[in-house]
Amino acid sequence: MMSNDLHETYLDFLESQVREERKDKNSYRDLINIMFAKEFVWLVPNDDNRIGDGLEVRSQWFDTIVVIGLDWCSFLEVIVGLSRRMELITDESAEGWGWQLITNLGLDKMRDPLSQYKTRKANDILDAAIWRNYNPDGSGGFFPLLHPKDDQREIELWYQMNAYIKEMNPED
């Protein structure tokens, strides 16, 4: 297991990957901790690739996955992995996309300190995204669409992401 200092340093790094420097100086450390403590599991074929992206974030930072004693990928690491993929497709920053994903989930309102109620609500939101208990148009998940062609709960995250980017940037 990783030391407290290493844990906090890694969380600082992950938080910097999903939040651009902004005038909003609110703290979201409670939320960051909740997202890091939550295992991301995949249900739809090929979504294990998004877990691979999250583990790649970790391995780039640590040079090895086993250093922190986790053999699973956190929800937060998946968000960072997704946002990096989004940056490669668009001209927008990974940090901006990371915060957009957090906003899409409705977690941007989860400022410190989190009450027990807000902690439960944050966990419910994460569970809904993981277990795909969101709306067919993707609202309640990472990638809400205005004009979905299919039920987003059954679509691989890669294709949801691309449809979302296309809807956000129709000229591309």
Protein backbone atom coordinates (compact mmCIF):
# COMPACT_ATOMS: atom_id res chain seq x y z
CA MET A 1 0.00 0.00 0.00
CA MET A 2 1.24 3.48 -0.68
CA SER A 3 2.35 5.93 2.00
CA ASN A 4 0.11 8.86 2.90
CA ASP A 5 2.53 11.35 1.33
CA LEU A 6 2.69 9.39 -1.93
CA HIS A 7 -1.10 8.99 -1.91
CA GLU A 8 -1.64 12.73 -1.45
CA THR A 9 0.93 13.60 -4.12
CA TYR A 10 -0.72 11.24 -6.60
CA LEU A 11 -4.15 12.70 -5.78
CA ASP A 12 -2.73 16.22 -6.32
CA PHE A 13 -1.52 15.06 -9.73
CA LEU A 14 -4.87 13.47 -10.65
CA GLU A 15 -6.79 16.55 -9.51
CA SER A 16 -4.55 18.75 -11.67
CA GLN A 17 -5.52 16.55 -14.62
CA VAL A 18 -9.24 17.33 -14.28
CA ARG A 19 -9.20 20.95 -13.16
CA GLU A 20 -7.72 23.82 -15.07
CA GLU A 21 -6.53 26.76 -13.05
CA ARG A 22 -9.67 28.76 -12.54
CA LYS A 23 -10.95 31.69 -10.57
CA ASP A 24 -13.14 29.24 -8.65
CA LYS A 25 -10.85 28.39 -5.75
CA ASN A 26 -13.29 25.95 -4.16
CA SER A 27 -11.79 22.73 -2.90
CA TYR A 28 -13.00 19.41 -4.27
CA ARG A 29 -10.60 17.15 -2.36
CA ASP A 30 -13.42 15.16 -0.72
CA LEU A 31 -14.84 14.41 -4.17
CA ILE A 32 -11.38 13.56 -5.55
CA ASN A 33 -10.92 11.07 -2.71
CA ILE A 34 -14.33 9.50 -3.34
CA MET A 35 -13.64 9.13 -7.07
CA PHE A 36 -10.22 7.64 -6.36
CA ALA A 37 -11.63 5.16 -3.83
CA LYS A 38 -14.33 3.95 -6.25
CA GLU A 39 -13.40 1.06 -8.54
CA PHE A 40 -14.49 1.49 -12.14
CA VAL A 41 -15.83 -1.71 -13.65
CA TRP A 42 -16.94 -2.29 -17.20
CA LEU A 43 -20.15 -3.88 -18.44
CA VAL A 44 -20.16 -3.19 -22.18
CA PRO A 45 -17.62 -5.00 -24.39
CA ASN A 46 -14.44 -3.00 -25.03
CA ASP A 47 -15.00 -0.60 -22.12
CA ASP A 48 -12.12 -2.46 -20.50
CA ASN A 49 -10.01 -0.31 -22.85
CA ARG A 50 -11.05 2.75 -20.85
CA ILE A 51 -9.77 0.98 -17.72
CA GLY A 52 -6.55 0.40 -19.64
CA ASP A 53 -6.35 4.14 -20.31
CA GLY A 54 -6.80 4.85 -16.60
CA LEU A 55 -4.12 2.35 -15.64
CA GLU A 56 -1.83 3.94 -18.23
CA VAL A 57 -2.24 7.28 -16.41
CA ARG A 58 -1.10 5.55 -13.24
CA SER A 59 1.80 3.74 -14.86
CA GLN A 60 3.05 6.94 -16.50
CA TRP A 61 3.12 8.63 -13.12
CA PHE A 62 4.55 5.77 -11.10
CA ASP A 63 6.48 3.91 -13.83
CA THR A 64 4.77 0.79 -12.47
CA ILE A 65 1.21 -0.08 -11.54
CA VAL A 66 2.04 -2.21 -8.49
CA VAL A 67 3.68 0.65 -6.56
CA ILE A 68 0.38 1.83 -5.06
CA GLY A 69 -0.97 -1.63 -4.29
CA LEU A 70 -4.12 -1.33 -6.41
CA ASP A 71 -4.91 -4.01 -8.95
CA TRP A 72 -8.01 -2.17 -10.15
CA CYS A 73 -8.62 1.20 -11.79
CA SER A 74 -10.32 4.08 -10.00
CA PHE A 75 -13.20 6.11 -11.36
CA LEU A 76 -10.96 9.19 -11.24
CA GLU A 77 -8.24 7.51 -13.30
CA VAL A 78 -10.85 6.58 -15.94
CA ILE A 79 -11.95 10.24 -16.13
CA VAL A 80 -8.34 11.32 -16.63
CA GLY A 81 -7.86 8.64 -19.29
CA LEU A 82 -11.04 9.67 -21.12
CA SER A 83 -10.12 13.35 -21.00
CA ARG A 84 -6.69 12.62 -22.48
CA ARG A 85 -8.33 10.72 -25.35
CA MET A 86 -10.70 13.65 -25.89
CA GLU A 87 -7.76 16.06 -26.02
CA LEU A 88 -6.17 13.96 -28.77
CA ILE A 89 -9.34 14.23 -30.88
CA THR A 90 -10.00 17.94 -30.28
CA ASP A 91 -8.04 21.13 -29.69
CA GLU A 92 -9.31 21.42 -26.13
CA SER A 93 -7.23 20.60 -23.04
CA ALA A 94 -7.50 17.31 -21.21
CA GLU A 95 -8.04 19.26 -17.99
CA GLY A 96 -10.96 21.12 -19.53
CA TRP A 97 -12.48 17.87 -20.77
CA GLY A 98 -11.93 16.27 -17.36
CA TRP A 99 -13.86 19.04 -15.68
CA GLN A 100 -16.55 18.81 -18.37
CA LEU A 101 -17.01 15.10 -17.60
CA ILE A 102 -17.30 15.90 -13.88
CA THR A 103 -19.85 18.61 -14.74
CA ASN A 104 -21.79 16.25 -17.02
CA LEU A 105 -22.11 13.87 -14.09
CA GLY A 106 -23.35 16.70 -11.83
CA LEU A 107 -20.35 16.35 -9.52
CA ASP A 108 -19.18 19.95 -9.99
CA LYS A 109 -21.54 20.95 -7.18
CA MET A 110 -19.76 18.66 -4.70
CA ARG A 111 -17.48 21.25 -3.06
CA ASP A 112 -15.70 20.67 0.25
CA PRO A 113 -16.61 19.89 2.87
CA LEU A 114 -18.99 17.15 1.80
CA SER A 115 -21.83 16.37 4.18
CA GLN A 116 -22.92 12.76 4.66
CA TYR A 117 -25.82 13.47 2.32
CA LYS A 118 -23.56 14.84 -0.43
CA THR A 119 -21.11 11.98 0.05
CA ARG A 120 -23.95 9.49 -0.48
CA LYS A 121 -25.18 11.49 -3.48
CA ALA A 122 -21.68 11.56 -5.02
CA ASN A 123 -21.37 7.79 -4.57
CA ASP A 124 -24.83 7.30 -6.10
CA ILE A 125 -23.78 9.36 -9.13
CA LEU A 126 -20.58 7.33 -9.55
CA ASP A 127 -22.52 4.08 -9.23
CA ALA A 128 -25.08 5.25 -11.80
CA ALA A 129 -22.27 6.00 -14.27
CA ILE A 130 -20.48 2.70 -13.61
CA TRP A 131 -23.58 0.50 -13.70
CA ARG A 132 -25.12 2.55 -16.52
CA ASN A 133 -28.20 3.50 -14.55
CA TYR A 134 -28.53 6.75 -16.46
CA ASN A 135 -30.93 7.93 -19.13
CA PRO A 136 -30.96 6.47 -22.65
CA ASP A 137 -29.72 9.83 -24.01
CA GLY A 138 -26.63 9.55 -21.79
CA SER A 139 -27.72 12.20 -19.27
CA GLY A 140 -26.54 11.14 -15.85
CA GLY A 141 -23.45 9.61 -17.49
CA PHE A 142 -20.24 10.97 -18.94
CA PHE A 143 -21.62 11.87 -22.36
CA PRO A 144 -25.17 13.27 -22.50
CA LEU A 145 -26.41 13.72 -26.06
CA LEU A 146 -29.12 15.99 -27.43
CA HIS A 147 -29.79 13.70 -30.40
CA PRO A 148 -28.74 10.12 -29.59
CA LYS A 149 -29.19 7.50 -32.29
CA ASP A 150 -29.11 4.61 -29.81
CA ASP A 151 -29.62 3.89 -26.12
CA GLN A 152 -26.33 5.17 -24.69
CA ARG A 153 -26.46 2.69 -21.81
CA GLU A 154 -25.69 -0.05 -24.33
CA ILE A 155 -22.99 1.80 -26.29
CA GLU A 156 -19.26 1.45 -25.64
CA LEU A 157 -17.81 4.54 -23.94
CA TRP A 158 -15.47 5.11 -26.90
CA TYR A 159 -18.42 5.57 -29.24
CA GLN A 160 -20.35 7.65 -26.69
CA MET A 161 -17.31 9.91 -26.39
CA ASN A 162 -16.99 10.34 -30.14
CA ALA A 163 -20.71 11.07 -30.56
CA TYR A 164 -20.48 13.63 -27.74
CA ILE A 165 -17.46 15.35 -29.27
CA LYS A 166 -19.17 15.43 -32.67
CA GLU A 167 -22.31 16.94 -31.14
CA MET A 168 -20.22 19.53 -29.23
CA ASN A 169 -18.13 20.39 -32.33
CA PRO A 170 -20.39 19.80 -35.36
CA GLU A 171 -18.01 21.56 -37.81
CA ASP A 172 -15.26 18.96 -37.21
